[in-house]
Amino acid sequence: MFETIKREIEVVFERDPAARSVAEVILCYPGFHALVNHRLAHFLYNKKLYLLARLVSHISRFLTGIEIHPGAKIGKGVFIDHGMGTVIGETAEVGDNVTIFQGCTLGGTGKEKGKRHPTIEDNVTISAGSMLFGSFTVGEGSTIGGSSVVLKDVPPKSTVVGLWKGERYAESFRFKEIRAHNLVLSTDTLELNIKDKELDVFRIQDDEYLIKIKNRVVREATDHDI
């Protein structure tokens, strides 16, 4: 338990340049408080002391603005930065060395029973305002861009921005350079909304793409261009 807490203090210094002292982290970091409180709530939950576990969780939510259900499984080295408005559901599983920013939701899609929340593998970053709904897996080393909506599995080492329904995807290295845009993946195209223009990137074959703006062909591109 103490080793886990020590690690959670260390990761604050690793990932937040604003952290200046251990005392500051212990006294002033709501993400750290929420995780420590969750360890206690989860322990009580596993002992089937459900009401007491929920009470600890509820008090932690009141103090930190971060809501983590006592049943959620949280790994080591997790860093919740700022954290206000973050919600992590009962059957969510968060791996080691995951970073979660404020306003994120790991939620369900309805009133179904059983596993109904996402599984986040190791070394994933979930950016501010992202919403992940349902029982699926975000692969190791992936990045979920700010304000994204994720509904299906995300492959390892991928970058998702915008709405992800999981139909078809290009390997992550093919769109690293355009990760800042609002990226929506559909069945046959990689669609980008850039200001008032609609840019479609059609895969011709493994290493060739056809770029269109408003249905007008602009040019062909290779992997090196994308």
Protein backbone atom coordinates (compact mmCIF):
# COMPACT_ATOMS: atom_id res chain seq x y z
CA MET A 1 0.00 0.00 0.00
CA PHE A 2 2.71 2.47 1.00
CA GLU A 3 4.80 1.52 -2.02
CA THR A 4 1.81 2.23 -4.24
CA ILE A 5 1.27 5.65 -2.64
CA LYS A 6 4.99 6.43 -2.96
CA ARG A 7 4.81 5.59 -6.67
CA GLU A 8 1.79 7.83 -7.13
CA ILE A 9 3.74 10.73 -5.61
CA GLU A 10 6.68 10.02 -7.91
CA VAL A 11 4.56 10.04 -11.07
CA VAL A 12 3.30 13.53 -10.24
CA PHE A 13 6.87 14.83 -10.47
CA GLU A 14 7.47 12.79 -13.64
CA ARG A 15 4.42 14.17 -15.49
CA ASP A 16 3.67 17.57 -13.97
CA PRO A 17 6.42 20.22 -14.20
CA ALA A 18 4.40 22.43 -11.84
CA ALA A 19 4.97 20.08 -8.88
CA ARG A 20 7.56 21.55 -6.51
CA SER A 21 7.58 19.44 -3.36
CA VAL A 22 6.25 16.25 -1.83
CA ALA A 23 4.28 18.30 0.68
CA GLU A 24 2.59 20.19 -2.15
CA VAL A 25 1.58 16.93 -3.84
CA ILE A 26 0.23 15.42 -0.62
CA LEU A 27 -1.70 18.53 0.39
CA CYS A 28 -2.77 20.13 -2.89
CA TYR A 29 -3.21 17.51 -5.63
CA PRO A 30 -6.83 16.27 -5.91
CA GLY A 31 -5.85 13.48 -8.30
CA PHE A 32 -3.49 12.07 -5.68
CA HIS A 33 -6.18 12.39 -2.99
CA ALA A 34 -8.75 10.64 -5.18
CA LEU A 35 -6.44 7.69 -5.85
CA VAL A 36 -5.49 7.25 -2.18
CA ASN A 37 -9.14 7.38 -1.16
CA HIS A 38 -10.00 4.91 -3.89
CA ARG A 39 -7.46 2.40 -2.58
CA LEU A 40 -9.34 2.40 0.74
CA ALA A 41 -12.78 2.30 -0.91
CA HIS A 42 -11.71 -0.57 -3.20
CA PHE A 43 -10.38 -2.53 -0.21
CA LEU A 44 -13.72 -2.14 1.56
CA TYR A 45 -15.58 -3.05 -1.65
CA ASN A 46 -13.60 -6.28 -1.97
CA LYS A 47 -14.53 -7.08 1.65
CA LYS A 48 -18.20 -6.66 0.58
CA LEU A 49 -18.59 -3.61 2.81
CA TYR A 50 -20.39 -1.91 -0.06
CA LEU A 51 -22.12 0.88 1.82
CA LEU A 52 -18.96 1.94 3.65
CA ALA A 53 -17.00 1.75 0.38
CA ARG A 54 -19.52 3.98 -1.37
CA LEU A 55 -19.44 6.41 1.55
CA VAL A 56 -15.65 6.76 1.26
CA SER A 57 -16.03 7.22 -2.50
CA HIS A 58 -18.77 9.80 -2.03
CA ILE A 59 -16.72 11.85 0.44
CA SER A 60 -13.75 11.69 -1.92
CA ARG A 61 -15.93 12.95 -4.76
CA PHE A 62 -17.11 15.86 -2.61
CA LEU A 63 -13.52 16.80 -1.71
CA THR A 64 -11.83 16.30 -5.08
CA GLY A 65 -14.47 16.56 -7.82
CA ILE A 66 -13.31 13.14 -9.06
CA GLU A 67 -15.74 10.22 -8.92
CA ILE A 68 -14.28 6.71 -8.91
CA HIS A 69 -16.60 3.83 -8.15
CA PRO A 70 -15.16 1.57 -5.41
CA GLY A 71 -15.42 -1.42 -7.75
CA ALA A 72 -13.11 0.07 -10.40
CA LYS A 73 -9.66 -1.51 -10.71
CA ILE A 74 -6.87 1.07 -10.82
CA GLY A 75 -3.26 0.08 -11.52
CA LYS A 76 0.01 1.53 -10.25
CA GLY A 77 1.57 4.77 -11.43
CA VAL A 78 -1.75 6.31 -12.49
CA PHE A 79 -1.78 10.10 -12.69
CA ILE A 80 -5.03 12.09 -12.69
CA ASP A 81 -4.09 15.65 -13.63
CA HIS A 82 -6.47 18.34 -12.32
CA GLY A 83 -9.24 15.75 -12.49
CA MET A 84 -12.35 17.86 -11.91
CA GLY A 85 -15.39 16.14 -13.42
CA THR A 86 -13.63 12.84 -14.08
CA VAL A 87 -15.85 9.76 -13.67
CA ILE A 88 -14.65 6.14 -13.58
CA GLY A 89 -17.36 3.46 -13.51
CA GLU A 90 -17.71 0.30 -11.44
CA THR A 91 -16.32 -2.26 -13.91
CA ALA A 92 -13.68 0.00 -15.44
CA GLU A 93 -10.10 -1.31 -15.37
CA VAL A 94 -7.18 1.10 -15.59
CA GLY A 95 -3.68 -0.31 -16.12
CA ASP A 96 -0.30 0.90 -14.94
CA ASN A 97 1.21 4.30 -15.78
CA VAL A 98 -1.99 5.70 -17.25
CA THR A 99 -2.53 9.47 -17.40
CA ILE A 100 -6.06 10.87 -17.19
CA PHE A 101 -6.85 14.56 -17.53
CA GLN A 102 -9.86 16.49 -16.26
CA GLY A 103 -13.42 15.91 -17.43
CA CYS A 104 -12.94 12.34 -18.66
CA THR A 105 -15.61 9.65 -18.39
CA LEU A 106 -15.07 5.89 -18.37
CA GLY A 107 -18.75 5.01 -18.46
CA GLY A 108 -21.35 2.53 -19.61
CA THR A 109 -23.91 2.75 -22.39
CA GLY A 110 -27.06 1.82 -20.47
CA LYS A 111 -28.41 -0.39 -17.72
CA GLU A 112 -26.72 -3.62 -18.76
CA LYS A 113 -25.20 -5.86 -16.08
CA GLY A 114 -21.71 -7.31 -15.87
CA LYS A 115 -18.67 -5.77 -17.55
CA ARG A 116 -19.95 -2.50 -18.97
CA HIS A 117 -17.07 -0.04 -18.67
CA PRO A 118 -13.79 0.31 -20.60
CA THR A 119 -10.52 -1.49 -19.94
CA ILE A 120 -7.52 0.82 -20.26
CA GLU A 121 -4.21 -0.95 -20.79
CA ASP A 122 -0.80 0.27 -19.62
CA ASN A 123 0.80 3.58 -20.67
CA VAL A 124 -2.36 5.11 -22.14
CA THR A 125 -3.05 8.86 -22.11
CA ILE A 126 -6.67 10.04 -21.98
CA SER A 127 -6.88 13.75 -22.73
CA ALA A 128 -9.26 16.30 -21.24
CA GLY A 129 -12.97 15.93 -21.90
CA SER A 130 -12.80 12.49 -23.50
CA MET A 131 -15.75 10.14 -23.12
CA LEU A 132 -15.34 6.37 -23.35
CA PHE A 133 -18.59 4.42 -23.23
CA GLY A 134 -18.97 0.65 -23.13
CA SER A 135 -17.04 -2.54 -22.52
CA PHE A 136 -14.02 -2.42 -24.82
CA THR A 137 -10.25 -2.16 -24.58
CA VAL A 138 -7.93 0.77 -25.24
CA GLY A 139 -4.66 -0.84 -26.29
CA GLU A 140 -1.34 -0.27 -24.59
CA GLY A 141 0.47 2.97 -25.38
CA SER A 142 -2.48 4.64 -27.10
CA THR A 143 -3.50 8.29 -26.85
CA ILE A 144 -7.11 9.48 -26.72
CA GLY A 145 -7.27 13.08 -27.91
CA GLY A 146 -9.15 15.85 -26.14
CA SER A 147 -12.98 15.73 -26.23
CA SER A 148 -12.98 12.44 -28.16
CA VAL A 149 -15.87 9.97 -28.00
CA VAL A 150 -14.74 6.34 -28.03
CA LEU A 151 -17.21 3.48 -28.44
CA LYS A 152 -15.13 0.52 -29.64
CA ASP A 153 -11.73 -1.12 -29.17
CA VAL A 154 -8.68 1.03 -29.84
CA PRO A 155 -5.60 -0.82 -31.19
CA PRO A 156 -2.32 -0.55 -29.25
CA LYS A 157 -0.11 2.46 -29.92
CA SER A 158 -2.85 4.35 -31.75
CA THR A 159 -4.00 7.96 -31.63
CA VAL A 160 -7.75 8.60 -31.68
CA VAL A 161 -9.26 12.05 -32.09
CA GLY A 162 -12.95 12.82 -32.62
CA LEU A 163 -15.54 10.02 -32.84
CA TRP A 164 -14.15 6.48 -32.82
CA LYS A 165 -16.60 3.72 -33.74
CA GLY A 166 -13.91 1.21 -34.54
CA GLU A 167 -14.93 0.23 -38.07
CA ARG A 168 -11.63 0.49 -39.84
CA TYR A 169 -8.40 2.24 -39.00
CA ALA A 170 -5.02 3.09 -40.40
CA GLU A 171 -1.93 2.25 -38.39
CA SER A 172 -1.12 5.00 -35.94
CA PHE A 173 2.07 6.09 -37.71
CA ARG A 174 0.03 6.99 -40.78
CA PHE A 175 -1.72 9.86 -39.01
CA LYS A 176 0.64 10.98 -36.29
CA GLU A 177 1.28 14.27 -38.05
CA ILE A 178 -2.42 15.19 -38.20
CA ARG A 179 -3.42 14.14 -34.72
CA ALA A 180 -4.31 17.73 -33.80
CA HIS A 181 -7.20 17.82 -36.28
CA ASN A 182 -10.71 16.52 -35.63
CA LEU A 183 -10.17 13.02 -36.96
CA VAL A 184 -13.12 10.71 -37.64
CA LEU A 185 -12.54 7.17 -38.89
CA SER A 186 -15.28 5.60 -41.02
CA THR A 187 -15.49 2.33 -42.94
CA ASP A 188 -13.75 3.41 -46.15
CA THR A 189 -12.28 6.84 -45.52
CA LEU A 190 -10.22 8.83 -43.13
CA GLU A 191 -12.28 11.99 -42.83
CA LEU A 192 -10.97 15.30 -41.54
CA ASN A 193 -12.92 18.45 -40.87
CA ILE A 194 -10.54 21.38 -41.23
CA LYS A 195 -12.34 24.69 -40.73
CA ASP A 196 -14.98 24.85 -43.49
CA LYS A 197 -13.37 22.26 -45.76
CA GLU A 198 -13.98 18.53 -45.87
CA LEU A 199 -10.84 16.57 -46.60
CA ASP A 200 -11.23 12.86 -47.43
CA VAL A 201 -8.25 10.52 -47.57
CA PHE A 202 -9.03 7.33 -49.47
CA ARG A 203 -6.68 4.38 -49.18
CA ILE A 204 -5.86 3.12 -52.70
CA GLN A 205 -3.48 0.38 -51.59
CA ASP A 206 -1.05 -0.26 -48.75
CA ASP A 207 1.08 2.82 -49.27
CA GLU A 208 -1.00 5.10 -51.54
CA TYR A 209 -3.85 7.45 -50.75
CA LEU A 210 -6.14 9.70 -52.75
CA ILE A 211 -6.89 13.09 -51.19
CA LYS A 212 -10.17 14.90 -52.00
CA ILE A 213 -11.52 18.25 -50.85
CA LYS A 214 -15.30 18.54 -51.35
CA ASN A 215 -15.20 15.63 -53.80
CA ARG A 216 -12.49 17.27 -55.91
CA VAL A 217 -9.27 15.29 -56.32
CA VAL A 218 -6.30 17.29 -55.03
CA ARG A 219 -3.41 14.90 -55.40
CA GLU A 220 -2.20 11.43 -54.63
CA ALA A 221 -0.15 10.82 -51.50
CA THR A 222 2.12 8.16 -50.12
CA ASP A 223 2.82 7.13 -46.54
CA HIS A 224 5.56 9.73 -46.32
CA ASP A 225 3.10 12.50 -47.14
CA ILE A 226 0.42 11.47 -44.64
